């Protein structure tokens, strides 16, 4: 099989320097389209299961802080301060996880727990409050924040938390969870993966049309 003589091609009247500039511009457009496609694919995270039930991936910690008390108005004001907009408070449930608890360990990861949420309609944020049995501490014995705020955008029917992201201390267990509360509010619009894919393909098609028309 014969190789391509690029020197000949570059000197050819049919394929001159302008041709190669157009090729490089097209490559840049292809890179941009690939970036959009990659962003679309990256929005799909790892999902956990409990038996045959898909509970979604880990919910994101947005903020954490030790509050002066666990009153509804105090927790609501803190959530609004962290999010930057007004929220409504949904279900609030206390637990005694040393004896009975609705949080269930997911399959294959003993530090990850899921809870079926009960607000109707389902809301986009929730907090968990640690401190059942006294203040919680990290592996070095230092006090941890009492309240953690999560975004619940992947699988709204379940809250999914990882204890190791709060503390890896062996004394820190789901039994230290005092209560959780759900909150709803205006959620910033995030492009769906399908929209990002269409954006990438559109950029590629537009670039090819403009360069070779």
Protein backbone atom coordinates (compact mmCIF):
# COMPACT_ATOMS: atom_id res chain seq x y z
CA UNK A 1 0.00 0.00 0.00
CA UNK A 2 1.47 3.34 -1.11
CA UNK A 3 1.97 6.18 1.38
CA UNK A 4 0.58 9.68 0.88
CA UNK A 5 2.97 12.30 -0.43
CA UNK A 6 1.96 15.29 1.73
CA UNK A 7 4.63 17.50 0.12
CA UNK A 8 3.00 16.90 -3.25
CA UNK A 9 -0.45 17.59 -1.83
CA UNK A 10 0.69 20.83 -0.19
CA UNK A 11 2.20 22.09 -3.46
CA UNK A 12 -0.77 21.05 -5.55
CA UNK A 13 -2.93 23.79 -7.03
CA UNK A 14 -5.98 21.79 -5.97
CA UNK A 15 -4.93 21.55 -2.32
CA UNK A 16 -3.14 24.68 -1.20
CA UNK A 17 -2.46 26.41 2.14
CA UNK A 18 -6.06 27.64 2.42
CA UNK A 19 -7.26 24.05 2.35
CA UNK A 20 -5.12 23.10 5.35
CA UNK A 21 -6.29 26.17 7.29
CA UNK A 22 -9.87 25.10 6.70
CA UNK A 23 -9.02 21.59 7.88
CA UNK A 24 -7.54 22.95 11.13
CA UNK A 25 -10.61 25.14 11.73
CA UNK A 26 -12.82 22.11 11.22
CA UNK A 27 -10.73 20.15 13.72
CA UNK A 28 -11.30 22.88 16.32
CA UNK A 29 -15.02 22.71 15.73
CA UNK A 30 -14.89 18.94 16.11
CA UNK A 31 -13.08 19.38 19.44
CA UNK A 32 -15.81 21.77 20.61
CA UNK A 33 -18.51 19.33 19.60
CA UNK A 34 -16.67 16.52 21.38
CA UNK A 35 -16.49 18.63 24.53
CA UNK A 36 -20.25 19.13 24.51
CA UNK A 37 -20.81 15.42 23.97
CA UNK A 38 -18.43 14.57 26.80
CA UNK A 39 -20.26 16.95 29.12
CA UNK A 40 -23.52 15.25 28.26
CA UNK A 41 -22.12 11.82 29.05
CA UNK A 42 -20.58 13.01 32.30
CA UNK A 43 -24.00 13.99 33.70
CA UNK A 44 -24.85 10.35 34.19
CA UNK A 45 -23.50 9.23 37.55
CA UNK A 46 -23.12 5.92 39.35
CA UNK A 47 -26.41 4.53 40.67
CA UNK A 48 -26.92 2.43 43.81
CA UNK A 49 -29.49 -0.27 44.42
CA UNK A 50 -31.27 -1.86 47.36
CA UNK A 51 -32.30 -5.27 46.09
CA UNK A 52 -33.97 -4.61 42.73
CA UNK A 53 -34.72 -0.94 43.54
CA UNK A 54 -32.58 1.74 41.91
CA UNK A 55 -32.13 4.55 44.44
CA UNK A 56 -29.89 6.75 42.26
CA UNK A 57 -26.41 8.11 42.89
CA UNK A 58 -24.98 10.01 45.83
CA UNK A 59 -26.65 13.30 46.59
CA UNK A 60 -24.31 16.30 46.70
CA UNK A 61 -23.38 18.11 49.91
CA UNK A 62 -24.01 21.83 49.30
CA UNK A 63 -23.22 23.22 52.76
CA UNK A 64 -22.65 22.18 56.36
CA UNK A 65 -22.67 24.11 59.61
CA UNK A 66 -23.34 23.80 63.34
CA UNK A 67 -26.61 25.62 64.04
CA UNK A 68 -27.58 27.06 67.44
CA UNK A 69 -30.73 24.90 67.51
CA UNK A 70 -32.82 22.57 65.36
CA UNK A 71 -35.97 24.65 65.21
CA UNK A 72 -37.86 24.78 61.92
CA UNK A 73 -37.29 28.52 61.45
CA UNK A 74 -33.54 28.21 62.17
CA UNK A 75 -33.04 25.34 59.73
CA UNK A 76 -35.17 27.00 57.04
CA UNK A 77 -33.26 30.29 57.36
CA UNK A 78 -29.94 28.46 57.06
CA UNK A 79 -31.06 26.56 53.94
CA UNK A 80 -32.23 29.81 52.31
CA UNK A 81 -28.91 31.47 53.17
CA UNK A 82 -26.95 28.58 51.63
CA UNK A 83 -29.07 28.38 48.46
CA UNK A 84 -29.65 32.10 47.95
CA UNK A 85 -33.43 31.90 47.49
CA UNK A 86 -36.59 31.27 49.50
CA UNK A 87 -37.65 27.68 50.18
CA UNK A 88 -40.64 25.86 51.55
CA UNK A 89 -40.23 23.18 54.20
CA UNK A 90 -41.65 19.72 53.58
CA UNK A 91 -41.50 16.56 55.67
CA UNK A 92 -39.37 16.58 58.82
CA UNK A 93 -38.75 13.23 60.53
CA UNK A 94 -36.79 12.34 63.66
CA UNK A 95 -35.03 8.99 64.06
CA UNK A 96 -33.74 6.66 66.70
CA UNK A 97 -31.55 4.60 64.43
CA UNK A 98 -30.09 2.60 67.32
CA UNK A 99 -33.39 0.76 67.62
CA UNK A 100 -35.33 1.38 64.40
CA UNK A 101 -34.51 3.42 61.31
CA UNK A 102 -35.80 3.88 57.77
CA UNK A 103 -32.30 4.48 56.37
CA UNK A 104 -31.11 1.36 54.54
CA UNK A 105 -27.56 0.43 53.55
CA UNK A 106 -27.25 0.10 49.78
CA UNK A 107 -25.98 -3.05 48.12
CA UNK A 108 -22.20 -3.38 48.12
CA UNK A 109 -21.27 -0.30 50.20
CA UNK A 110 -21.80 -0.31 53.96
CA UNK A 111 -21.09 3.43 54.32
CA UNK A 112 -23.80 4.52 51.84
CA UNK A 113 -27.41 4.75 53.05
CA UNK A 114 -30.65 5.58 51.27
CA UNK A 115 -34.02 6.81 52.50
CA UNK A 116 -37.31 6.89 50.61
CA UNK A 117 -38.52 10.50 50.80
CA UNK A 118 -42.14 11.23 51.61
CA UNK A 119 -42.94 14.84 50.69
CA UNK A 120 -45.62 15.19 48.03
CA UNK A 121 -44.65 16.58 45.61
CA UNK A 122 -41.04 15.46 45.94
CA UNK A 123 -38.62 18.27 46.76
CA UNK A 124 -35.12 19.11 45.53
CA UNK A 125 -33.16 19.53 48.78
CA UNK A 126 -32.89 17.95 52.19
CA UNK A 127 -30.88 18.34 55.36
CA UNK A 128 -29.67 15.75 57.82
CA UNK A 129 -28.88 16.63 61.42
CA UNK A 130 -26.23 14.65 63.28
CA UNK A 131 -26.00 14.52 67.07
CA UNK A 132 -28.23 11.75 68.33
CA UNK A 133 -26.50 10.66 71.54
CA UNK A 134 -24.34 13.79 71.76
CA UNK A 135 -22.09 15.86 69.46
CA UNK A 136 -20.50 13.93 66.60
CA UNK A 137 -16.72 13.95 66.09
CA UNK A 138 -14.25 13.17 63.35
CA UNK A 139 -11.56 10.49 63.40
CA UNK A 140 -9.28 12.79 65.42
CA UNK A 141 -11.95 13.58 67.99
CA UNK A 142 -12.73 17.06 66.70
CA UNK A 143 -16.39 18.19 66.67
CA UNK A 144 -18.22 17.96 63.35
CA UNK A 145 -20.90 20.29 62.04
CA UNK A 146 -24.38 19.30 63.09
CA UNK A 147 -26.30 20.07 59.89
CA UNK A 148 -25.60 19.02 56.29
CA UNK A 149 -27.54 20.30 53.27
CA UNK A 150 -27.84 18.09 50.18
CA UNK A 151 -29.16 18.60 46.66
CA UNK A 152 -31.43 15.79 45.54
CA UNK A 153 -31.50 16.09 41.76
CA UNK A 154 -30.73 12.62 40.35
CA UNK A 155 -33.37 10.36 41.91
CA UNK A 156 -35.83 12.60 43.75
CA UNK A 157 -37.64 9.72 45.46
CA UNK A 158 -34.57 8.82 47.55
CA UNK A 159 -32.01 10.59 49.70
CA UNK A 160 -28.60 8.90 49.28
CA UNK A 161 -25.73 9.83 51.63
CA UNK A 162 -22.22 8.53 52.24
CA UNK A 163 -21.14 8.56 55.90
CA UNK A 164 -17.47 8.48 54.88
CA UNK A 165 -17.87 11.92 53.28
CA UNK A 166 -18.81 13.29 56.72
CA UNK A 167 -16.46 11.28 58.94
CA UNK A 168 -14.47 8.05 58.71
CA UNK A 169 -14.45 7.61 62.49
CA UNK A 170 -15.59 4.11 63.50
CA UNK A 171 -17.79 5.72 66.14
CA UNK A 172 -19.66 7.66 63.45
CA UNK A 173 -22.60 5.51 62.30
CA UNK A 174 -26.11 6.00 60.94
CA UNK A 175 -27.24 5.71 64.57
CA UNK A 176 -25.90 9.23 65.17
CA UNK A 177 -28.46 10.73 62.79
CA UNK A 178 -31.05 12.80 64.64
CA UNK A 179 -33.49 13.88 61.92
CA UNK A 180 -33.88 14.96 58.31
CA UNK A 181 -36.06 17.59 56.64
CA UNK A 182 -36.99 18.26 53.02
CA UNK A 183 -37.04 21.65 51.28
CA UNK A 184 -38.20 22.92 47.92
CA UNK A 185 -37.54 26.10 45.95
CA UNK A 186 -36.56 27.55 42.58
CA UNK A 187 -34.02 25.21 40.98
CA UNK A 188 -31.53 26.62 38.41
CA UNK A 189 -32.18 25.15 34.97
CA UNK A 190 -29.57 22.56 33.96
CA UNK A 191 -29.42 21.33 30.32
CA UNK A 192 -30.51 17.73 29.87
CA UNK A 193 -27.93 15.29 28.41
CA UNK A 194 -30.00 14.99 25.24
CA UNK A 195 -29.89 18.78 24.78
CA UNK A 196 -26.11 18.80 25.17
CA UNK A 197 -25.76 16.03 22.59
CA UNK A 198 -27.90 17.98 20.12
CA UNK A 199 -25.79 21.07 20.83
CA UNK A 200 -22.60 19.16 20.04
CA UNK A 201 -23.97 17.73 16.81
CA UNK A 202 -25.36 21.14 15.82
CA UNK A 203 -21.99 22.82 16.34
CA UNK A 204 -20.26 20.17 14.25
CA UNK A 205 -22.79 20.44 11.41
CA UNK A 206 -22.78 24.23 11.40
CA UNK A 207 -18.99 24.33 11.30
CA UNK A 208 -18.72 21.87 8.43
CA UNK A 209 -21.34 23.76 6.41
CA UNK A 210 -19.64 27.15 6.88
CA UNK A 211 -16.16 25.85 6.08
CA UNK A 212 -16.92 23.91 2.94
CA UNK A 213 -19.78 25.85 1.34
